[in-house]
Amino acid sequence: MIEKIILDHLSDHLSQEVYMENPTPLPDSYVLIEKTGSSKRNQINTATIAVQSYSTSMYGAAALNEEVKTCMDQLISNNQIARVELETDYNFTNTATKQYRYQAVYNITYYTEVQ
């Protein structure tokens, strides 16, 4: 499962905790990953992954986003990963909750493990 591969990779390499859903209570700074779409052809998968970087300040969220992007670029060293492409990243501050966040959206091509 690509989410698990990314969760493990980011957890091993980032300075902040990484989650697949909002933790309770909310820490001051953390990373949230979400698969927003996927496709499969000839046992080769493509997934769109949104990685959100949260912090108590705009600068903190932007700095964490840069750390996330560096770490995501290193995901290509995993043998199951064929391609890591940053589609876009941007300020994605949640105005309803007043939480500063950045979002980086990736297209990941990966291989299905043969059972």
Protein backbone atom coordinates (compact mmCIF):
# COMPACT_ATOMS: atom_id res chain seq x y z
CA MET A 1 0.00 0.00 0.00
CA ILE A 2 1.59 3.25 -1.16
CA GLU A 3 0.31 5.23 1.83
CA LYS A 4 2.23 2.91 4.19
CA ILE A 5 5.42 3.22 2.12
CA ILE A 6 5.21 7.02 2.22
CA LEU A 7 4.18 7.14 5.89
CA ASP A 8 7.17 4.98 6.88
CA HIS A 9 9.59 6.93 4.68
CA LEU A 10 8.52 10.35 5.95
CA SER A 11 8.36 9.14 9.57
CA ASP A 12 11.94 7.89 9.32
CA HIS A 13 13.32 11.10 7.79
CA LEU A 14 11.32 14.11 9.02
CA SER A 15 11.77 16.10 12.22
CA GLN A 16 7.98 16.16 12.80
CA GLU A 17 5.43 13.40 13.37
CA VAL A 18 3.59 12.09 10.29
CA TYR A 19 -0.04 10.95 10.30
CA MET A 20 -2.72 9.69 7.93
CA GLU A 21 -5.48 11.44 9.90
CA ASN A 22 -5.58 14.41 12.25
CA PRO A 23 -4.14 13.46 15.64
CA THR A 24 -5.86 14.30 18.92
CA PRO A 25 -4.80 16.54 20.52
CA LEU A 26 -3.30 18.50 17.65
CA PRO A 27 0.46 19.05 18.02
CA ASP A 28 1.95 22.44 17.16
CA SER A 29 3.59 21.04 14.04
CA TYR A 30 2.96 17.85 12.07
CA VAL A 31 2.58 16.30 8.60
CA LEU A 32 -0.57 14.70 7.21
CA ILE A 33 -0.63 12.46 4.11
CA GLU A 34 -3.63 11.54 1.99
CA LYS A 35 -4.07 9.61 -1.25
CA THR A 36 -6.46 11.64 -3.39
CA GLY A 37 -6.55 9.35 -6.42
CA SER A 38 -4.98 6.36 -8.12
CA SER A 39 -4.88 4.20 -11.25
CA LYS A 40 -3.38 0.86 -12.29
CA ARG A 41 -2.22 -0.55 -15.63
CA ASN A 42 -0.12 -3.70 -16.20
CA GLN A 43 0.71 -4.02 -12.50
CA ILE A 44 2.11 -0.49 -12.50
CA ASN A 45 0.29 1.90 -10.19
CA THR A 46 0.03 5.65 -10.11
CA ALA A 47 -1.19 7.54 -7.04
CA THR A 48 -1.78 11.20 -6.35
CA ILE A 49 -0.63 12.01 -2.82
CA ALA A 50 -1.29 15.24 -0.93
CA VAL A 51 1.20 15.99 1.85
CA GLN A 52 0.11 18.74 4.22
CA SER A 53 2.59 20.51 6.52
CA TYR A 54 1.04 22.14 9.60
CA SER A 55 2.66 24.63 11.98
CA THR A 56 1.85 27.48 14.35
CA SER A 57 3.22 30.06 11.90
CA MET A 58 3.20 30.58 8.15
CA TYR A 59 7.00 30.45 8.12
CA GLY A 60 6.98 27.19 10.09
CA ALA A 61 4.53 25.58 7.67
CA ALA A 62 6.57 26.76 4.67
CA ALA A 63 9.84 25.50 6.18
CA LEU A 64 8.28 22.12 7.00
CA ASN A 65 6.93 21.94 3.44
CA GLU A 66 10.48 22.38 2.11
CA GLU A 67 11.67 19.59 4.40
CA VAL A 68 8.83 17.38 3.14
CA LYS A 69 9.74 18.05 -0.51
CA THR A 70 13.39 17.15 0.08
CA CYS A 71 12.34 13.95 1.80
CA MET A 72 9.79 13.04 -0.89
CA ASP A 73 12.49 13.43 -3.55
CA GLN A 74 14.48 10.74 -1.72
CA LEU A 75 11.55 8.30 -1.96
CA ILE A 76 12.85 7.29 -5.39
CA SER A 77 15.53 5.19 -3.65
CA ASN A 78 12.79 2.68 -2.66
CA ASN A 79 12.82 -0.27 -5.11
CA GLN A 80 9.00 -0.22 -5.41
CA ILE A 81 8.98 3.41 -6.56
CA ALA A 82 9.49 4.16 -10.26
CA ARG A 83 8.81 7.91 -10.30
CA VAL A 84 8.21 10.75 -7.85
CA GLU A 85 6.87 13.92 -9.45
CA LEU A 86 5.95 17.10 -7.60
CA GLU A 87 2.84 18.41 -9.31
CA THR A 88 2.51 21.57 -7.21
CA ASP A 89 2.89 23.00 -3.72
CA TYR A 90 1.17 26.01 -2.22
CA ASN A 91 -0.05 27.82 0.88
CA PHE A 92 -3.17 25.95 2.01
CA THR A 93 -3.95 27.72 5.30
CA ASN A 94 -7.20 26.52 6.83
CA THR A 95 -9.12 29.75 7.40
CA ALA A 96 -11.89 28.01 9.36
CA THR A 97 -9.53 26.62 12.04
CA LYS A 98 -6.79 29.27 11.64
CA GLN A 99 -4.18 26.53 11.13
CA TYR A 100 -1.19 27.41 8.97
CA ARG A 101 -0.46 24.71 6.42
CA TYR A 102 1.22 24.12 3.10
CA GLN A 103 0.29 21.35 0.71
CA ALA A 104 2.54 19.51 -1.72
CA VAL A 105 0.83 17.30 -4.31
CA TYR A 106 2.78 14.41 -5.81
CA ASN A 107 2.21 11.90 -8.58
CA ILE A 108 3.91 8.65 -7.60
CA THR A 109 4.41 5.70 -9.95
CA TYR A 110 5.07 2.43 -8.16
CA TYR A 111 5.11 -1.31 -8.69
CA THR A 112 2.66 -3.81 -7.23
CA GLU A 113 4.33 -6.49 -5.16
CA VAL A 114 3.78 -9.95 -6.63
CA GLN A 115 2.35 -12.26 -3.97
